[in-house]
Amino acid sequence: VIAVSTDSHHTHLAWIKTPRDKGGLGEMNIPIVADVSKRISANYGVLVTDEDDDMFGAALRGLFIIDPQGIVRSIQINDDQVGRSVPETLRILKAFQYATAHPGEVCPANWKPGHKTIKADQDAKYDFFDATYGQHERN
């Protein structure tokens, strides 16, 4: 896990020294990269480049899950009015880890560890949805 911000390392230190209940980050066990050049933000598509946009030059809130092979598995980009959910991010990460370790299984919406998965098969998919949500027409 790596955090990237367009703020300076001085700002990052101030955030870390400020407790969470006072609006800071508090103690963290992950590195924070200072992207003051905004190159990383631009490369990941989170930098606002429209000069007519009130947020021109700012970085949107981006979250990227990249697997050990360097493949981007999930992208979430929010503007500054909506934060991210750490529990939801962890749920998605665990779902990717589970699906990778169990080929042929699909983690449905809202899946959590220990919940049922769907076999990657059309009939098995219908069986899962019938058992979970009741009978429906099959194509």
N, C-alpha and C. Protein backbone atom coordinates (compact mmCIF):
# COMPACT_ATOMS: atom_id res chain seq x y z
N VAL A 1 0.86 -1.17 0.00
CA VAL A 1 0.00 0.00 0.00
C VAL A 1 0.90 1.23 0.00
N ILE A 2 0.59 2.13 -0.91
CA ILE A 2 1.32 3.39 -1.03
C ILE A 2 0.30 4.51 -1.18
N ALA A 3 0.51 5.59 -0.45
CA ALA A 3 -0.33 6.77 -0.60
C ALA A 3 0.44 7.80 -1.43
N VAL A 4 -0.27 8.50 -2.29
CA VAL A 4 0.35 9.55 -3.11
C VAL A 4 -0.49 10.81 -2.95
N SER A 5 0.19 11.92 -2.72
CA SER A 5 -0.48 13.21 -2.57
C SER A 5 0.33 14.27 -3.31
N THR A 6 -0.36 15.26 -3.84
CA THR A 6 0.35 16.36 -4.51
C THR A 6 0.93 17.35 -3.51
N ASP A 7 0.67 17.14 -2.24
CA ASP A 7 1.25 18.01 -1.21
C ASP A 7 2.70 17.62 -0.94
N SER A 8 3.41 18.51 -0.27
CA SER A 8 4.83 18.28 0.03
C SER A 8 5.00 17.31 1.19
N HIS A 9 6.22 16.83 1.35
CA HIS A 9 6.49 15.93 2.48
C HIS A 9 6.33 16.67 3.81
N HIS A 10 6.50 17.99 3.82
CA HIS A 10 6.28 18.76 5.04
C HIS A 10 4.80 18.70 5.45
N THR A 11 3.92 18.82 4.47
CA THR A 11 2.48 18.72 4.73
C THR A 11 2.14 17.31 5.22
N HIS A 12 2.75 16.30 4.60
CA HIS A 12 2.50 14.92 5.01
C HIS A 12 2.90 14.71 6.47
N LEU A 13 4.05 15.24 6.85
CA LEU A 13 4.49 15.11 8.25
C LEU A 13 3.50 15.78 9.20
N ALA A 14 2.99 16.94 8.81
CA ALA A 14 2.00 17.62 9.65
C ALA A 14 0.73 16.79 9.77
N TRP A 15 0.28 16.17 8.67
CA TRP A 15 -0.92 15.31 8.71
C TRP A 15 -0.70 14.13 9.65
N ILE A 16 0.48 13.52 9.56
CA ILE A 16 0.78 12.35 10.38
C ILE A 16 0.87 12.72 11.86
N LYS A 17 1.38 13.90 12.14
CA LYS A 17 1.51 14.35 13.54
C LYS A 17 0.18 14.79 14.13
N THR A 18 -0.81 15.03 13.28
CA THR A 18 -2.13 15.45 13.76
C THR A 18 -3.00 14.21 13.94
N PRO A 19 -3.58 14.02 15.14
CA PRO A 19 -4.43 12.85 15.38
C PRO A 19 -5.65 12.83 14.45
N ARG A 20 -6.14 11.63 14.19
CA ARG A 20 -7.31 11.48 13.31
C ARG A 20 -8.53 12.24 13.82
N ASP A 21 -8.72 12.23 15.14
CA ASP A 21 -9.90 12.92 15.69
C ASP A 21 -9.79 14.44 15.60
N LYS A 22 -8.64 14.93 15.13
CA LYS A 22 -8.45 16.37 14.91
C LYS A 22 -8.27 16.68 13.43
N GLY A 23 -8.62 15.72 12.57
CA GLY A 23 -8.58 15.95 11.13
C GLY A 23 -7.31 15.52 10.43
N GLY A 24 -6.38 14.92 11.18
CA GLY A 24 -5.14 14.46 10.57
C GLY A 24 -5.19 12.98 10.21
N LEU A 25 -4.04 12.47 9.84
CA LEU A 25 -3.92 11.05 9.51
C LEU A 25 -3.54 10.22 10.73
N GLY A 26 -2.86 10.82 11.68
CA GLY A 26 -2.36 10.06 12.81
C GLY A 26 -1.22 9.16 12.37
N GLU A 27 -0.80 8.27 13.25
CA GLU A 27 0.29 7.35 12.93
C GLU A 27 -0.09 6.48 11.73
N MET A 28 0.85 6.31 10.82
CA MET A 28 0.61 5.49 9.63
C MET A 28 1.77 4.54 9.42
N ASN A 29 1.47 3.38 8.89
CA ASN A 29 2.49 2.39 8.59
C ASN A 29 2.69 2.21 7.10
N ILE A 30 2.29 3.20 6.33
CA ILE A 30 2.47 3.13 4.87
C ILE A 30 3.21 4.38 4.40
N PRO A 31 3.98 4.24 3.34
CA PRO A 31 4.68 5.42 2.82
C PRO A 31 3.73 6.37 2.10
N ILE A 32 4.03 7.66 2.19
CA ILE A 32 3.28 8.68 1.46
C ILE A 32 4.26 9.35 0.50
N VAL A 33 3.94 9.29 -0.77
CA VAL A 33 4.79 9.88 -1.81
C VAL A 33 4.33 11.32 -2.06
N ALA A 34 5.26 12.25 -2.08
CA ALA A 34 4.97 13.65 -2.38
C ALA A 34 5.07 13.84 -3.90
N ASP A 35 3.91 13.97 -4.54
CA ASP A 35 3.85 14.14 -6.00
C ASP A 35 3.72 15.63 -6.33
N VAL A 36 4.67 16.43 -5.86
CA VAL A 36 4.58 17.88 -6.06
C VAL A 36 4.66 18.26 -7.54
N SER A 37 5.29 17.44 -8.36
CA SER A 37 5.33 17.72 -9.80
C SER A 37 4.01 17.37 -10.48
N LYS A 38 3.17 16.59 -9.80
CA LYS A 38 1.87 16.13 -10.27
C LYS A 38 1.97 15.15 -11.44
N ARG A 39 3.14 14.62 -11.69
CA ARG A 39 3.32 13.66 -12.79
C ARG A 39 2.58 12.35 -12.52
N ILE A 40 2.69 11.85 -11.30
CA ILE A 40 2.01 10.59 -10.97
C ILE A 40 0.50 10.78 -11.11
N SER A 41 -0.02 11.87 -10.58
CA SER A 41 -1.45 12.16 -10.67
C SER A 41 -1.91 12.26 -12.12
N ALA A 42 -1.11 12.92 -12.95
CA ALA A 42 -1.45 13.03 -14.37
C ALA A 42 -1.40 11.67 -15.05
N ASN A 43 -0.37 10.88 -14.76
CA ASN A 43 -0.24 9.56 -15.38
C ASN A 43 -1.37 8.61 -15.00
N TYR A 44 -1.93 8.76 -13.82
CA TYR A 44 -3.03 7.91 -13.37
C TYR A 44 -4.40 8.51 -13.69
N GLY A 45 -4.42 9.66 -14.34
CA GLY A 45 -5.68 10.23 -14.80
C GLY A 45 -6.52 10.89 -13.72
N VAL A 46 -5.91 11.30 -12.62
CA VAL A 46 -6.67 11.94 -11.55
C VAL A 46 -6.42 13.45 -11.46
N LEU A 47 -5.53 13.96 -12.28
CA LEU A 47 -5.24 15.39 -12.26
C LEU A 47 -6.26 16.13 -13.12
N VAL A 48 -6.89 17.17 -12.57
CA VAL A 48 -7.87 17.95 -13.31
C VAL A 48 -7.10 18.87 -14.26
N THR A 49 -7.28 18.65 -15.56
CA THR A 49 -6.53 19.40 -16.57
C THR A 49 -7.38 20.39 -17.35
N ASP A 50 -8.68 20.40 -17.10
CA ASP A 50 -9.58 21.33 -17.78
C ASP A 50 -9.45 22.71 -17.12
N GLU A 51 -8.91 23.67 -17.87
CA GLU A 51 -8.67 25.01 -17.32
C GLU A 51 -9.96 25.72 -16.92
N ASP A 52 -11.10 25.29 -17.45
CA ASP A 52 -12.38 25.90 -17.09
C ASP A 52 -12.97 25.29 -15.82
N ASP A 53 -12.38 24.22 -15.34
CA ASP A 53 -12.87 23.54 -14.13
C ASP A 53 -12.35 24.28 -12.90
N ASP A 54 -13.22 24.48 -11.91
CA ASP A 54 -12.81 25.15 -10.67
C ASP A 54 -11.69 24.41 -9.96
N MET A 55 -11.56 23.12 -10.23
CA MET A 55 -10.53 22.32 -9.56
C MET A 55 -9.27 22.17 -10.42
N PHE A 56 -9.13 22.98 -11.46
CA PHE A 56 -7.97 22.88 -12.35
C PHE A 56 -6.67 22.81 -11.55
N GLY A 57 -5.85 21.82 -11.89
CA GLY A 57 -4.55 21.64 -11.23
C GLY A 57 -4.59 20.79 -9.98
N ALA A 58 -5.79 20.49 -9.49
CA ALA A 58 -5.92 19.65 -8.29
C ALA A 58 -6.01 18.18 -8.70
N ALA A 59 -5.69 17.32 -7.76
CA ALA A 59 -5.82 15.88 -8.00
C ALA A 59 -7.10 15.39 -7.35
N LEU A 60 -7.88 14.61 -8.11
CA LEU A 60 -9.06 13.97 -7.55
C LEU A 60 -8.62 12.84 -6.63
N ARG A 61 -9.56 12.32 -5.85
CA ARG A 61 -9.25 11.22 -4.94
C ARG A 61 -9.29 9.91 -5.72
N GLY A 62 -8.14 9.37 -5.98
CA GLY A 62 -8.05 8.13 -6.74
C GLY A 62 -7.56 6.98 -5.89
N LEU A 63 -8.11 5.81 -6.17
CA LEU A 63 -7.68 4.60 -5.48
C LEU A 63 -7.50 3.52 -6.55
N PHE A 64 -6.34 2.92 -6.58
CA PHE A 64 -6.02 1.92 -7.60
C PHE A 64 -5.55 0.65 -6.92
N ILE A 65 -6.16 -0.46 -7.27
CA ILE A 65 -5.69 -1.76 -6.78
C ILE A 65 -4.93 -2.39 -7.93
N ILE A 66 -3.64 -2.60 -7.70
CA ILE A 66 -2.74 -3.15 -8.72
C ILE A 66 -2.20 -4.47 -8.17
N ASP A 67 -2.35 -5.55 -8.94
CA ASP A 67 -1.92 -6.86 -8.44
C ASP A 67 -0.40 -7.02 -8.55
N PRO A 68 0.14 -8.10 -7.98
CA PRO A 68 1.59 -8.30 -8.00
C PRO A 68 2.20 -8.37 -9.41
N GLN A 69 1.38 -8.67 -10.42
CA GLN A 69 1.87 -8.71 -11.80
C GLN A 69 1.81 -7.33 -12.46
N GLY A 70 1.38 -6.31 -11.72
CA GLY A 70 1.30 -4.96 -12.25
C GLY A 70 0.03 -4.67 -13.03
N ILE A 71 -0.97 -5.53 -12.91
CA ILE A 71 -2.24 -5.35 -13.62
C ILE A 71 -3.20 -4.55 -12.73
N VAL A 72 -3.75 -3.47 -13.29
CA VAL A 72 -4.72 -2.67 -12.55
C VAL A 72 -6.02 -3.46 -12.49
N ARG A 73 -6.46 -3.80 -11.30
CA ARG A 73 -7.65 -4.62 -11.10
C ARG A 73 -8.88 -3.78 -10.74
N SER A 74 -8.65 -2.61 -10.15
CA SER A 74 -9.77 -1.77 -9.75
C SER A 74 -9.33 -0.31 -9.74
N ILE A 75 -10.23 0.56 -10.19
CA ILE A 75 -9.99 2.00 -10.17
C ILE A 75 -11.22 2.67 -9.57
N GLN A 76 -10.99 3.56 -8.63
CA GLN A 76 -12.06 4.38 -8.07
C GLN A 76 -11.56 5.81 -8.05
N ILE A 77 -12.31 6.72 -8.66
CA ILE A 77 -11.94 8.13 -8.67
C ILE A 77 -13.14 8.95 -8.20
N ASN A 78 -12.93 9.73 -7.14
CA ASN A 78 -13.97 10.59 -6.61
C ASN A 78 -13.49 12.04 -6.67
N ASP A 79 -14.46 12.97 -6.77
CA ASP A 79 -14.05 14.36 -6.66
C ASP A 79 -13.88 14.69 -5.18
N ASP A 80 -13.59 15.94 -4.88
CA ASP A 80 -13.26 16.30 -3.49
C ASP A 80 -14.46 16.32 -2.55
N GLN A 81 -15.66 16.10 -3.06
CA GLN A 81 -16.84 16.14 -2.21
C GLN A 81 -17.21 14.78 -1.60
N VAL A 82 -16.55 13.71 -2.06
CA VAL A 82 -16.88 12.37 -1.57
C VAL A 82 -15.61 11.63 -1.20
N GLY A 83 -15.57 11.14 0.01
CA GLY A 83 -14.43 10.36 0.47
C GLY A 83 -14.54 8.90 0.08
N ARG A 84 -13.53 8.14 0.47
CA ARG A 84 -13.52 6.72 0.17
C ARG A 84 -13.83 5.93 1.43
N SER A 85 -14.23 4.68 1.23
CA SER A 85 -14.56 3.80 2.34
C SER A 85 -13.46 2.76 2.50
N VAL A 86 -12.74 2.82 3.60
CA VAL A 86 -11.68 1.84 3.86
C VAL A 86 -12.26 0.43 3.95
N PRO A 87 -13.37 0.20 4.68
CA PRO A 87 -13.92 -1.16 4.71
C PRO A 87 -14.29 -1.69 3.32
N GLU A 88 -14.86 -0.84 2.47
CA GLU A 88 -15.21 -1.29 1.12
C GLU A 88 -13.96 -1.58 0.30
N THR A 89 -12.93 -0.77 0.45
CA THR A 89 -11.67 -1.02 -0.26
C THR A 89 -11.09 -2.36 0.17
N LEU A 90 -11.09 -2.63 1.47
CA LEU A 90 -10.56 -3.91 1.96
C LEU A 90 -11.40 -5.08 1.47
N ARG A 91 -12.74 -4.89 1.41
CA ARG A 91 -13.62 -5.95 0.90
C ARG A 91 -13.27 -6.28 -0.55
N ILE A 92 -13.09 -5.26 -1.37
CA ILE A 92 -12.76 -5.46 -2.78
C ILE A 92 -11.39 -6.13 -2.91
N LEU A 93 -10.43 -5.67 -2.13
CA LEU A 93 -9.09 -6.28 -2.17
C LEU A 93 -9.15 -7.76 -1.80
N LYS A 94 -9.89 -8.09 -0.75
CA LYS A 94 -10.02 -9.50 -0.34
C LYS A 94 -10.74 -10.32 -1.41
N ALA A 95 -11.71 -9.71 -2.08
CA ALA A 95 -12.41 -10.42 -3.16
C ALA A 95 -11.46 -10.73 -4.31
N PHE A 96 -10.62 -9.78 -4.69
CA PHE A 96 -9.63 -10.04 -5.74
C PHE A 96 -8.65 -11.13 -5.31
N GLN A 97 -8.21 -11.08 -4.07
CA GLN A 97 -7.29 -12.10 -3.57
C GLN A 97 -7.94 -13.48 -3.59
N TYR A 98 -9.21 -13.54 -3.17
CA TYR A 98 -9.93 -14.81 -3.16
C TYR A 98 -10.10 -15.34 -4.58
N ALA A 99 -10.57 -14.48 -5.48
CA ALA A 99 -10.81 -14.90 -6.87
C ALA A 99 -9.52 -15.36 -7.54
N THR A 100 -8.42 -14.71 -7.23
CA THR A 100 -7.13 -15.12 -7.80
C THR A 100 -6.72 -16.49 -7.28
N ALA A 101 -6.97 -16.74 -6.00
CA ALA A 101 -6.60 -18.02 -5.39
C ALA A 101 -7.57 -19.14 -5.74
N HIS A 102 -8.76 -18.79 -6.25
CA HIS A 102 -9.79 -19.78 -6.57
C HIS A 102 -10.29 -19.57 -8.00
N PRO A 103 -9.48 -19.93 -8.98
CA PRO A 103 -9.89 -19.75 -10.38
C PRO A 103 -11.23 -20.45 -10.65
N GLY A 104 -12.04 -19.81 -11.47
CA GLY A 104 -13.34 -20.38 -11.80
C GLY A 104 -14.44 -19.97 -10.84
N GLU A 105 -14.10 -19.17 -9.83
CA GLU A 105 -15.11 -18.66 -8.91
C GLU A 105 -15.19 -17.15 -9.05
N VAL A 106 -16.39 -16.62 -8.90
CA VAL A 106 -16.64 -15.19 -9.02
C VAL A 106 -17.22 -14.69 -7.70
N CYS A 107 -16.70 -13.59 -7.21
CA CYS A 107 -17.22 -12.98 -5.99
C CYS A 107 -18.33 -12.01 -6.39
N PRO A 108 -19.58 -12.29 -6.00
CA PRO A 108 -20.69 -11.42 -6.40
C PRO A 108 -20.65 -10.08 -5.65
N ALA A 109 -21.54 -9.19 -6.04
CA ALA A 109 -21.65 -7.89 -5.36
C ALA A 109 -21.83 -8.11 -3.87
N ASN A 110 -21.19 -7.28 -3.09
CA ASN A 110 -21.25 -7.31 -1.63
C ASN A 110 -20.64 -8.55 -1.00
N TRP A 111 -19.90 -9.34 -1.78
CA TRP A 111 -19.24 -10.54 -1.25
C TRP A 111 -18.29 -10.16 -0.14
N LYS A 112 -18.24 -11.00 0.89
CA LYS A 112 -17.27 -10.87 1.97
C LYS A 112 -16.68 -12.24 2.23
N PRO A 113 -15.48 -12.30 2.80
CA PRO A 113 -14.88 -13.60 3.09
C PRO A 113 -15.84 -14.49 3.88
N GLY A 114 -15.96 -15.73 3.43
CA GLY A 114 -16.87 -16.68 4.06
C GLY A 114 -18.22 -16.76 3.37
N HIS A 115 -18.55 -15.78 2.53
CA HIS A 115 -19.82 -15.81 1.80
C HIS A 115 -19.69 -16.69 0.56
N LYS A 116 -20.83 -17.06 0.01
CA LYS A 116 -20.85 -17.91 -1.19
C LYS A 116 -20.32 -17.15 -2.39
N THR A 117 -19.68 -17.90 -3.27
CA THR A 117 -19.23 -17.35 -4.55
C THR A 117 -20.05 -17.98 -5.65
N ILE A 118 -19.85 -17.51 -6.86
CA ILE A 118 -20.55 -18.04 -8.03
C ILE A 118 -19.53 -18.78 -8.88
N LYS A 119 -19.88 -19.98 -9.32
CA LYS A 119 -19.02 -20.68 -10.27
C LYS A 119 -19.12 -19.96 -11.61
N ALA A 120 -18.01 -19.86 -12.30
CA ALA A 120 -17.97 -19.15 -13.59
C ALA A 120 -18.58 -20.03 -14.67
N ASP A 121 -19.88 -20.25 -14.55
CA ASP A 121 -20.63 -21.13 -15.45
C ASP A 121 -22.06 -20.60 -15.50
N GLN A 122 -22.65 -20.54 -16.66
CA GLN A 122 -23.98 -19.94 -16.82
C GLN A 122 -25.03 -20.59 -15.92
N ASP A 123 -25.11 -21.92 -15.93
CA ASP A 123 -26.11 -22.59 -15.10
C ASP A 123 -25.84 -22.39 -13.61
N ALA A 124 -24.57 -22.45 -13.22
CA ALA A 124 -24.22 -22.24 -11.82
C ALA A 124 -24.57 -20.82 -11.38
N LYS A 125 -24.41 -19.87 -12.30
CA LYS A 125 -24.77 -18.48 -12.00
C LYS A 125 -26.27 -18.39 -11.70
N TYR A 126 -27.09 -19.03 -12.54
CA TYR A 126 -28.54 -19.02 -12.31
C TYR A 126 -28.88 -19.72 -10.99
N ASP A 127 -28.21 -20.83 -10.69
CA ASP A 127 -28.46 -21.54 -9.43
C ASP A 127 -28.16 -20.63 -8.24
N PHE A 128 -27.05 -19.89 -8.31
CA PHE A 128 -26.69 -18.98 -7.23
C PHE A 128 -27.76 -17.91 -7.05
N PHE A 129 -28.18 -17.28 -8.15
CA PHE A 129 -29.17 -16.21 -8.04
C PHE A 129 -30.53 -16.75 -7.62
N ASP A 130 -30.90 -17.96 -8.07
CA ASP A 130 -32.15 -18.56 -7.62
C ASP A 130 -32.11 -18.80 -6.11
N ALA A 131 -31.00 -19.35 -5.62
CA ALA A 131 -30.87 -19.64 -4.19
C ALA A 131 -30.81 -18.36 -3.36
N THR A 132 -30.20 -17.33 -3.91
CA THR A 132 -30.00 -16.09 -3.16
C THR A 132 -31.21 -15.15 -3.24
N TYR A 133 -31.80 -15.03 -4.42
CA TYR A 133 -32.84 -14.03 -4.64
C TYR A 133 -34.19 -14.60 -5.06
N GLY A 134 -34.31 -15.91 -5.20
CA GLY A 134 -35.56 -16.53 -5.61
C GLY A 134 -35.56 -16.83 -7.10
N GLN A 135 -36.57 -17.55 -7.54
CA GLN A 135 -36.66 -18.00 -8.93
C GLN A 135 -36.79 -16.82 -9.89
N HIS A 136 -36.23 -16.99 -11.07
CA HIS A 136 -36.38 -16.01 -12.14
C HIS A 136 -36.29 -16.75 -13.47
N GLU A 137 -36.67 -16.07 -14.53
CA GLU A 137 -36.61 -16.69 -15.86
C GLU A 137 -35.18 -16.86 -16.30
N ARG A 138 -34.91 -18.00 -16.92
CA ARG A 138 -33.59 -18.25 -17.48
C ARG A 138 -33.65 -18.03 -18.98
N ASN A 139 -32.58 -17.50 -19.52
CA ASN A 139 -32.53 -17.26 -20.97
C ASN A 139 -32.24 -18.54 -21.71
